[in-house]
C-alpha atoms as a PDB file:
ATOM      1  CA  MET A   1      -4.521 -16.987 -16.581  1.00  0.00           C
ATOM      2  CA  ASN A   2      -1.078 -17.530 -15.138  1.00  0.00           C
ATOM      3  CA  ILE A   3       0.804 -15.029 -12.924  1.00  0.00           C
ATOM      4  CA  LEU A   4       4.285 -15.960 -11.664  1.00  0.00           C
ATOM      5  CA  GLY A   5       3.442 -19.657 -12.265  1.00  0.00           C
ATOM      6  CA  VAL A   6       0.145 -19.656 -10.371  1.00  0.00           C
ATOM      7  CA  ARG A   7      -3.234 -20.099 -12.158  1.00  0.00           C
ATOM      8  CA  ILE A   8      -5.799 -17.366 -11.454  1.00  0.00           C
ATOM      9  CA  ASP A   9      -9.249 -17.895 -12.770  1.00  0.00           C
ATOM     10  CA  GLN A  10     -10.660 -15.135 -15.043  1.00  0.00           C
ATOM     11  CA  ILE A  11     -14.126 -14.944 -13.557  1.00  0.00           C
ATOM     12  CA  THR A  12     -16.581 -12.345 -12.346  1.00  0.00           C
ATOM     13  CA  ARG A  13     -17.938 -12.427  -8.812  1.00  0.00           C
ATOM     14  CA  LEU A  14     -21.469 -13.445 -10.034  1.00  0.00           C
ATOM     15  CA  ALA A  15     -19.929 -16.308 -12.010  1.00  0.00           C
ATOM     16  CA  ALA A  16     -17.897 -17.379  -9.092  1.00  0.00           C
ATOM     17  CA  ILE A  17     -21.057 -17.499  -6.888  1.00  0.00           C
ATOM     18  CA  GLU A  18     -22.725 -19.723  -9.527  1.00  0.00           C
ATOM     19  CA  THR A  19     -19.680 -21.952  -9.429  1.00  0.00           C
ATOM     20  CA  VAL A  20     -20.130 -22.336  -5.639  1.00  0.00           C
ATOM     21  CA  ARG A  21     -23.728 -23.381  -6.289  1.00  0.00           C
ATOM     22  CA  ARG A  22     -22.479 -26.106  -8.656  1.00  0.00           C
ATOM     23  CA  PHE A  23     -19.858 -27.198  -6.196  1.00  0.00           C
ATOM     24  CA  LEU A  24     -22.405 -27.676  -3.464  1.00  0.00           C
ATOM     25  CA  ALA A  25     -24.873 -29.444  -5.738  1.00  0.00           C
ATOM     26  CA  GLY A  26     -22.226 -31.757  -7.213  1.00  0.00           C
ATOM     27  CA  GLY A  27     -20.245 -34.687  -5.862  1.00  0.00           C
ATOM     28  CA  GLY A  28     -16.766 -34.642  -4.543  1.00  0.00           C
ATOM     29  CA  GLN A  29     -14.818 -31.998  -2.663  1.00  0.00           C
ATOM     30  CA  ARG A  30     -13.597 -28.662  -3.966  1.00  0.00           C
ATOM     31  CA  ARG A  31     -11.012 -26.148  -2.879  1.00  0.00           C
ATOM     32  CA  ILE A  32     -11.258 -22.396  -3.176  1.00  0.00           C
ATOM     33  CA  PHE A  33      -8.089 -20.292  -2.796  1.00  0.00           C
ATOM     34  CA  THR A  34      -7.765 -16.539  -2.957  1.00  0.00           C
ATOM     35  CA  PRO A  35      -4.255 -15.734  -4.146  1.00  0.00           C
ATOM     36  CA  ASN A  36      -2.925 -12.192  -3.509  1.00  0.00           C
ATOM     37  CA  PRO A  37       0.412 -10.631  -4.367  1.00  0.00           C
ATOM     38  CA  GLU A  38       2.083 -11.669  -1.114  1.00  0.00           C
ATOM     39  CA  MET A  39       0.981 -15.250  -1.710  1.00  0.00           C
ATOM     40  CA  LEU A  40       2.320 -15.213  -5.248  1.00  0.00           C
ATOM     41  CA  VAL A  41       5.702 -14.037  -4.059  1.00  0.00           C
ATOM     42  CA  ASP A  42       5.863 -16.905  -1.649  1.00  0.00           C
ATOM     43  CA  ALA A  43       4.670 -19.333  -4.266  1.00  0.00           C
ATOM     44  CA  TYR A  44       7.357 -18.126  -6.651  1.00  0.00           C
ATOM     45  CA  ARG A  45       9.941 -19.148  -4.096  1.00  0.00           C
ATOM     46  CA  ASP A  46       8.178 -22.284  -2.801  1.00  0.00           C
ATOM     47  CA  GLU A  47       7.469 -24.842  -5.513  1.00  0.00           C
ATOM     48  CA  ASN A  48       5.355 -26.988  -3.198  1.00  0.00           C
ATOM     49  CA  PHE A  49       3.092 -24.071  -2.258  1.00  0.00           C
ATOM     50  CA  ARG A  50       2.813 -23.119  -6.022  1.00  0.00           C
ATOM     51  CA  GLN A  51       1.659 -26.679  -6.788  1.00  0.00           C
ATOM     52  CA  VAL A  52      -0.871 -26.591  -3.942  1.00  0.00           C
ATOM     53  CA  LEU A  53      -2.332 -23.393  -5.251  1.00  0.00           C
ATOM     54  CA  ASN A  54      -2.501 -24.742  -8.834  1.00  0.00           C
ATOM     55  CA  ARG A  55      -4.528 -27.683  -7.558  1.00  0.00           C
ATOM     56  CA  GLY A  56      -7.238 -25.266  -6.357  1.00  0.00           C
ATOM     57  CA  ASP A  57     -10.676 -25.772  -8.093  1.00  0.00           C
ATOM     58  CA  LEU A  58     -11.357 -22.037  -7.949  1.00  0.00           C
ATOM     59  CA  ASN A  59      -8.578 -19.534  -7.614  1.00  0.00           C
ATOM     60  CA  LEU A  60      -9.885 -15.974  -7.176  1.00  0.00           C
ATOM     61  CA  CYS A  61      -8.021 -12.724  -7.671  1.00  0.00           C
ATOM     62  CA  ASP A  62      -7.669 -11.156  -4.200  1.00  0.00           C
ATOM     63  CA  GLY A  63      -5.514  -8.146  -4.621  1.00  0.00           C
ATOM     64  CA  THR A  64      -5.343  -4.998  -6.618  1.00  0.00           C
ATOM     65  CA  GLY A  65      -1.776  -5.850  -7.576  1.00  0.00           C
ATOM     66  CA  LEU A  66      -2.960  -9.015  -9.324  1.00  0.00           C
ATOM     67  CA  ALA A  67      -5.687  -7.084 -11.248  1.00  0.00           C
ATOM     68  CA  LEU A  68      -3.100  -4.518 -12.340  1.00  0.00           C
ATOM     69  CA  ALA A  69      -0.583  -7.192 -13.277  1.00  0.00           C
ATOM     70  CA  SER A  70      -3.229  -8.903 -15.407  1.00  0.00           C
ATOM     71  CA  ARG A  71      -3.707  -5.679 -17.442  1.00  0.00           C
ATOM     72  CA  GLY A  72      -7.438  -5.672 -16.774  1.00  0.00           C
ATOM     73  CA  ARG A  73      -8.113  -9.347 -17.471  1.00  0.00           C
ATOM     74  CA  LEU A  74      -8.838 -10.227 -13.815  1.00  0.00           C
ATOM     75  CA  VAL A  75     -11.592  -8.928 -11.568  1.00  0.00           C
ATOM     76  CA  ARG A  76     -10.657  -8.484  -7.937  1.00  0.00           C
ATOM     77  CA  ILE A  77     -12.811 -10.634  -5.565  1.00  0.00           C
ATOM     78  CA  PRO A  78     -11.838 -10.090  -1.965  1.00  0.00           C
ATOM     79  CA  GLY A  79     -11.764 -13.287   0.004  1.00  0.00           C
ATOM     80  CA  THR A  80     -13.650 -11.837   2.970  1.00  0.00           C
ATOM     81  CA  ASP A  81     -16.428 -10.700   0.757  1.00  0.00           C
ATOM     82  CA  PHE A  82     -16.585 -14.012  -1.046  1.00  0.00           C
ATOM     83  CA  LEU A  83     -16.838 -15.826   2.266  1.00  0.00           C
ATOM     84  CA  LEU A  84     -19.993 -13.929   2.884  1.00  0.00           C
ATOM     85  CA  ASP A  85     -21.247 -14.803  -0.661  1.00  0.00           C
ATOM     86  CA  ILE A  86     -20.734 -18.456   0.147  1.00  0.00           C
ATOM     87  CA  CYS A  87     -22.596 -18.056   3.433  1.00  0.00           C
ATOM     88  CA  GLN A  88     -25.519 -16.554   1.572  1.00  0.00           C
ATOM     89  CA  VAL A  89     -25.608 -19.485  -0.841  1.00  0.00           C
ATOM     90  CA  ALA A  90     -25.264 -21.932   2.038  1.00  0.00           C
ATOM     91  CA  GLN A  91     -28.215 -20.276   3.896  1.00  0.00           C
ATOM     92  CA  GLU A  92     -30.319 -20.458   0.732  1.00  0.00           C
ATOM     93  CA  GLN A  93     -29.545 -24.100   0.285  1.00  0.00           C
ATOM     94  CA  GLY A  94     -29.848 -25.144   3.911  1.00  0.00           C
ATOM     95  CA  ARG A  95     -26.055 -26.082   3.980  1.00  0.00           C
ATOM     96  CA  SER A  96     -23.885 -25.882   7.086  1.00  0.00           C
ATOM     97  CA  VAL A  97     -20.502 -24.171   7.619  1.00  0.00           C
ATOM     98  CA  TYR A  98     -17.601 -24.719  10.031  1.00  0.00           C
ATOM     99  CA  LEU A  99     -15.109 -22.068  11.051  1.00  0.00           C
ATOM    100  CA  LEU A 100     -11.531 -23.225  11.759  1.00  0.00           C
ATOM    101  CA  GLY A 101      -8.642 -21.046  12.756  1.00  0.00           C
ATOM    102  CA  THR A 102      -7.456 -17.711  14.082  1.00  0.00           C
ATOM    103  CA  GLY A 103      -5.800 -19.477  17.075  1.00  0.00           C
ATOM    104  CA  ASP A 104      -8.063 -17.517  19.342  1.00  0.00           C
ATOM    105  CA  ARG A 105     -11.258 -19.124  20.616  1.00  0.00           C
ATOM    106  CA  THR A 106     -12.812 -15.752  21.350  1.00  0.00           C
ATOM    107  CA  ALA A 107     -12.167 -14.453  17.835  1.00  0.00           C
ATOM    108  CA  VAL A 108     -13.548 -17.561  16.114  1.00  0.00           C
ATOM    109  CA  SER A 109     -16.626 -17.625  18.314  1.00  0.00           C
ATOM    110  CA  GLY A 110     -17.081 -13.967  17.640  1.00  0.00           C
ATOM    111  CA  ALA A 111     -16.939 -14.586  13.955  1.00  0.00           C
ATOM    112  CA  ALA A 112     -19.538 -17.291  14.339  1.00  0.00           C
ATOM    113  CA  GLU A 113     -21.794 -14.887  16.229  1.00  0.00           C
ATOM    114  CA  LYS A 114     -21.390 -12.258  13.516  1.00  0.00           C
ATOM    115  CA  LEU A 115     -22.370 -14.729  10.863  1.00  0.00           C
ATOM    116  CA  LYS A 116     -25.449 -15.835  12.915  1.00  0.00           C
ATOM    117  CA  HIS A 117     -26.472 -12.149  13.076  1.00  0.00           C
ATOM    118  CA  ASP A 118     -25.943 -11.423   9.397  1.00  0.00           C
ATOM    119  CA  PHE A 119     -27.379 -14.779   8.181  1.00  0.00           C
ATOM    120  CA  PRO A 120     -30.124 -15.745  10.674  1.00  0.00           C
ATOM    121  CA  ASN A 121     -30.907 -19.058   8.887  1.00  0.00           C
ATOM    122  CA  LEU A 122     -27.342 -20.090   8.232  1.00  0.00           C
ATOM    123  CA  ARG A 123     -26.464 -23.389   9.967  1.00  0.00           C
ATOM    124  CA  ILE A 124     -23.140 -23.009  11.693  1.00  0.00           C
ATOM    125  CA  ALA A 125     -22.084 -26.618  12.356  1.00  0.00           C
ATOM    126  CA  GLY A 126     -19.251 -25.622  14.668  1.00  0.00           C
ATOM    127  CA  TYR A 127     -15.990 -23.694  15.152  1.00  0.00           C
ATOM    128  CA  HIS A 128     -12.506 -24.339  16.538  1.00  0.00           C
ATOM    129  CA  PRO A 129      -9.445 -22.064  16.968  1.00  0.00           C
ATOM    130  CA  GLY A 130      -7.357 -24.756  15.367  1.00  0.00           C
ATOM    131  CA  PRO A 131      -4.027 -26.448  16.294  1.00  0.00           C
ATOM    132  CA  ARG A 132      -0.671 -24.707  16.498  1.00  0.00           C
ATOM    133  CA  ILE A 133       0.972 -24.926  13.096  1.00  0.00           C
ATOM    134  CA  ASP A 134       4.569 -24.195  12.138  1.00  0.00           C
ATOM    135  CA  PHE A 135       6.638 -24.672   9.020  1.00  0.00           C
ATOM    136  CA  VAL A 136       9.946 -26.522   9.005  1.00  0.00           C
ATOM    137  CA  GLY A 137      12.490 -26.753   6.188  1.00  0.00           C
ATOM    138  CA  LEU A 138      13.577 -24.386   3.533  1.00  0.00           C
ATOM    139  CA  ASN A 139      11.555 -22.721   0.785  1.00  0.00           C
ATOM    140  CA  GLY A 140      10.473 -25.339  -1.747  1.00  0.00           C
ATOM    141  CA  ARG A 141      10.855 -28.127   0.797  1.00  0.00           C
ATOM    142  CA  ARG A 142       8.815 -26.753   3.670  1.00  0.00           C
ATOM    143  CA  SER A 143       6.280 -28.906   5.511  1.00  0.00           C
ATOM    144  CA  LEU A 144       3.702 -28.454   8.190  1.00  0.00           C
ATOM    145  CA  GLN A 145       4.573 -29.234  11.732  1.00  0.00           C
ATOM    146  CA  ILE A 146       1.437 -29.917  13.893  1.00  0.00           C
ATOM    147  CA  ARG A 147       1.026 -31.698  17.127  1.00  0.00           C
ATOM    148  CA  ARG A 148      -0.838 -34.858  16.138  1.00  0.00           C
ATOM    149  CA  GLU A 149      -3.131 -35.025  19.136  1.00  0.00           C
ATOM    150  CA  ASP A 150      -4.287 -31.415  18.527  1.00  0.00           C
ATOM    151  CA  ASN A 151      -4.868 -32.004  14.868  1.00  0.00           C
ATOM    152  CA  ASP A 152      -6.704 -35.226  15.544  1.00  0.00           C
ATOM    153  CA  GLU A 153      -9.035 -33.351  17.826  1.00  0.00           C
ATOM    154  CA  VAL A 154      -9.854 -30.793  15.157  1.00  0.00           C
ATOM    155  CA  ILE A 155     -10.381 -33.387  12.486  1.00  0.00           C
ATOM    156  CA  GLY A 156     -12.608 -35.477  14.864  1.00  0.00           C
ATOM    157  CA  ASP A 157     -14.756 -32.486  15.678  1.00  0.00           C
ATOM    158  CA  ILE A 158     -15.266 -31.583  11.992  1.00  0.00           C
ATOM    159  CA  ILE A 159     -16.154 -35.197  11.179  1.00  0.00           C
ATOM    160  CA  GLU A 160     -18.650 -35.262  14.021  1.00  0.00           C
ATOM    161  CA  LYS A 161     -20.278 -31.883  12.971  1.00  0.00           C
ATOM    162  CA  SER A 162     -20.391 -32.881   9.259  1.00  0.00           C
ATOM    163  CA  PRO A 163     -20.395 -29.441   7.657  1.00  0.00           C
ATOM    164  CA  ASP A 164     -20.837 -28.805   3.986  1.00  0.00           C
ATOM    165  CA  VAL A 165     -18.355 -25.872   3.856  1.00  0.00           C
ATOM    166  CA  LEU A 166     -15.121 -25.463   5.815  1.00  0.00           C
ATOM    167  CA  PHE A 167     -13.414 -22.023   6.214  1.00  0.00           C
ATOM    168  CA  VAL A 168      -9.782 -22.387   7.196  1.00  0.00           C
ATOM    169  CA  ALA A 169      -8.119 -19.331   8.743  1.00  0.00           C
ATOM    170  CA  PHE A 170      -4.497 -20.182   9.527  1.00  0.00           C
ATOM    171  CA  GLY A 171      -2.913 -17.557   7.358  1.00  0.00           C
ATOM    172  CA  HIS A 172      -1.664 -18.174   3.882  1.00  0.00           C
ATOM    173  CA  ARG A 173       0.572 -21.157   3.063  1.00  0.00           C
ATOM    174  CA  LYS A 174      -0.458 -22.842   6.375  1.00  0.00           C
ATOM    175  CA  GLN A 175      -4.187 -22.998   5.488  1.00  0.00           C
ATOM    176  CA  GLU A 176      -3.656 -24.035   1.868  1.00  0.00           C
ATOM    177  CA  ASN A 177      -1.228 -26.742   2.893  1.00  0.00           C
ATOM    178  CA  TRP A 178      -3.526 -27.930   5.716  1.00  0.00           C
ATOM    179  CA  ILE A 179      -6.418 -28.202   3.241  1.00  0.00           C
ATOM    180  CA  GLU A 180      -4.145 -30.056   0.825  1.00  0.00           C
ATOM    181  CA  GLN A 181      -3.130 -32.643   3.472  1.00  0.00           C
ATOM    182  CA  TYR A 182      -6.215 -33.133   5.642  1.00  0.00           C
ATOM    183  CA  ALA A 183      -9.413 -32.003   3.825  1.00  0.00           C
ATOM    184  CA  LYS A 184      -9.605 -35.474   2.175  1.00  0.00           C
ATOM    185  CA  GLU A 185     -10.247 -36.925   5.705  1.00  0.00           C
ATOM    186  CA  LEU A 186     -13.458 -34.867   5.955  1.00  0.00           C
ATOM    187  CA  PRO A 187     -16.128 -36.727   3.899  1.00  0.00           C
ATOM    188  CA  SER A 188     -18.929 -34.221   4.480  1.00  0.00           C
ATOM    189  CA  VAL A 189     -17.027 -31.177   3.268  1.00  0.00           C
ATOM    190  CA  LYS A 190     -17.897 -30.154  -0.267  1.00  0.00           C
ATOM    191  CA  ILE A 191     -15.997 -26.848  -0.230  1.00  0.00           C
ATOM    192  CA  ALA A 192     -12.879 -26.084   1.717  1.00  0.00           C
ATOM    193  CA  MET A 193     -11.664 -22.470   1.486  1.00  0.00           C
ATOM    194  CA  GLY A 194      -8.639 -20.645   2.762  1.00  0.00           C
ATOM    195  CA  VAL A 195      -9.837 -17.366   4.285  1.00  0.00           C
ATOM    196  CA  GLY A 196      -6.724 -15.763   5.869  1.00  0.00           C
ATOM    197  CA  GLY A 197      -7.685 -13.038   8.307  1.00  0.00           C
ATOM    198  CA  ALA A 198     -11.399 -12.995   7.346  1.00  0.00           C
ATOM    199  CA  LEU A 199     -12.554 -14.435  10.723  1.00  0.00           C
ATOM    200  CA  ASP A 200     -10.585 -11.804  12.588  1.00  0.00           C
ATOM    201  CA  TYR A 201     -12.385  -9.118  10.533  1.00  0.00           C
ATOM    202  CA  LEU A 202     -15.780 -10.706  11.261  1.00  0.00           C
ATOM    203  CA  ALA A 203     -15.083 -10.881  14.936  1.00  0.00           C
ATOM    204  CA  GLY A 204     -14.024  -7.219  15.001  1.00  0.00           C
ATOM    205  CA  LYS A 205     -10.584  -8.196  16.246  1.00  0.00           C
ATOM    206  CA  VAL A 206      -9.060  -6.466  13.209  1.00  0.00           C
ATOM    207  CA  ARG A 207     -10.748  -3.583  11.544  1.00  0.00           C
ATOM    208  CA  ARG A 208     -11.163  -3.521   7.716  1.00  0.00           C
ATOM    209  CA  ALA A 209     -10.515  -0.432   5.639  1.00  0.00           C
ATOM    210  CA  PRO A 210     -13.588   1.671   4.869  1.00  0.00           C
ATOM    211  CA  GLN A 211     -15.509   0.662   1.810  1.00  0.00           C
ATOM    212  CA  SER A 212     -14.375   3.775  -0.055  1.00  0.00           C
ATOM    213  CA  VAL A 213     -10.724   2.869   0.511  1.00  0.00           C
ATOM    214  CA  ARG A 214     -11.271  -0.760  -0.522  1.00  0.00           C
ATOM    215  CA  ALA A 215     -12.991   0.394  -3.717  1.00  0.00           C
ATOM    216  CA  LEU A 216      -9.904   2.358  -4.690  1.00  0.00           C
ATOM    217  CA  GLY A 217      -7.684  -0.718  -4.052  1.00  0.00           C
ATOM    218  CA  LEU A 218      -5.797   1.088  -1.309  1.00  0.00           C
ATOM    219  CA  GLU A 219      -6.578  -1.227   1.613  1.00  0.00           C
ATOM    220  CA  TRP A 220      -2.871  -2.132   1.879  1.00  0.00           C
ATOM    221  CA  LEU A 221      -1.947   1.629   2.373  1.00  0.00           C
ATOM    222  CA  TRP A 222      -4.659   2.029   5.025  1.00  0.00           C
ATOM    223  CA  ARG A 223      -3.420  -1.052   6.922  1.00  0.00           C
ATOM    224  CA  LEU A 224       0.144   0.207   6.684  1.00  0.00           C
ATOM    225  CA  ALA A 225      -0.823   3.481   8.221  1.00  0.00           C
ATOM    226  CA  ARG A 226      -2.609   1.685  11.091  1.00  0.00           C
ATOM    227  CA  GLU A 227      -0.106  -1.163  11.593  1.00  0.00           C
ATOM    228  CA  PRO A 228       3.458  -0.055  10.748  1.00  0.00           C
ATOM    229  CA  ARG A 229       4.716  -3.449  11.881  1.00  0.00           C
ATOM    230  CA  ARG A 230       3.231  -4.852   8.625  1.00  0.00           C
ATOM    231  CA  THR A 231       5.811  -2.890   6.581  1.00  0.00           C
ATOM    232  CA  ARG A 232       7.775  -6.007   5.575  1.00  0.00           C
ATOM    233  CA  ARG A 233       4.667  -7.934   4.447  1.00  0.00           C
ATOM    234  CA  ILE A 234       3.276  -4.945   2.540  1.00  0.00           C
ATOM    235  CA  TRP A 235       6.706  -4.422   0.838  1.00  0.00           C
ATOM    236  CA  LYS A 236       6.560  -8.008  -0.270  1.00  0.00           C
ATOM    237  CA  ALA A 237       3.038  -7.548  -1.686  1.00  0.00           C
ATOM    238  CA  THR A 238       4.024  -4.312  -3.495  1.00  0.00           C
ATOM    239  CA  GLY A 239       7.721  -3.799  -4.248  1.00  0.00           C
ATOM    240  CA  GLN A 240       8.856  -7.439  -4.425  1.00  0.00           C
ATOM    241  CA  PHE A 241       5.733  -8.507  -6.334  1.00  0.00           C
ATOM    242  CA  MET A 242       6.114  -5.766  -8.987  1.00  0.00           C
ATOM    243  CA  TYR A 243       9.783  -6.574  -9.373  1.00  0.00           C
ATOM    244  CA  LEU A 244       8.956 -10.168 -10.085  1.00  0.00           C
ATOM    245  CA  ILE A 245       6.247  -9.186 -12.503  1.00  0.00           C
ATOM    246  CA  LEU A 246       8.549  -6.879 -14.428  1.00  0.00           C
ATOM    247  CA  LYS A 247      11.339  -9.537 -14.407  1.00  0.00           C
ATOM    248  CA  SER A 248       8.936 -12.165 -15.843  1.00  0.00           C
ATOM    249  CA  ARG A 249       8.091  -9.900 -18.783  1.00  0.00           C
ATOM    250  CA  LYS A 250      11.719  -9.382 -19.918  1.00  0.00           C
END
């Protein structure tokens, strides 16, 4: 279905896992994105980002706000949880994964260690904190700004390690645009997925809400209580998102 101009796939978690199996068994390269309310607000204002999201091969509902806006037609599939689902499939199939992002080598290596612990037979081809990425331009005409030497180093390392799955954690917009521009240079990669803060969660750098809170769809409120500096982002994902939803229904 379409929410604020972005396609969100109506799919269950089990069906999404089976889709991953098909992606890994098939030819070509696939992109998995996990739109949430904050991303949809940005996509509403940024036509290029909206187009990038709509070119995703599997767009999962990652946010209680999206599920509510869909009036029950979408099932929430948190991106962090789905990353673990993909790792389980990769372990079963003998596939390898590569972790890219966070900007912090300690965090990305910590995420790799956590995955090794949880999935003992998972092949982790490599990891890299990633290049510094900025945006230049105005909404709708924004483009990535990356130091070429740093980006070439990352691409070269991924090509050398030849992973089947690439998890990119640059934060939304940056990671999806990076995948759009550079994943095609990575011939071994069958699945490229934007994972936001998932690697920070895995590394223990950022604490996730308790399962009971997540089950109620109140992780945003829990994070606001712990990180008041996130007020602006949470307002975008709640107040601004619902305003745009109501506006679109008039």
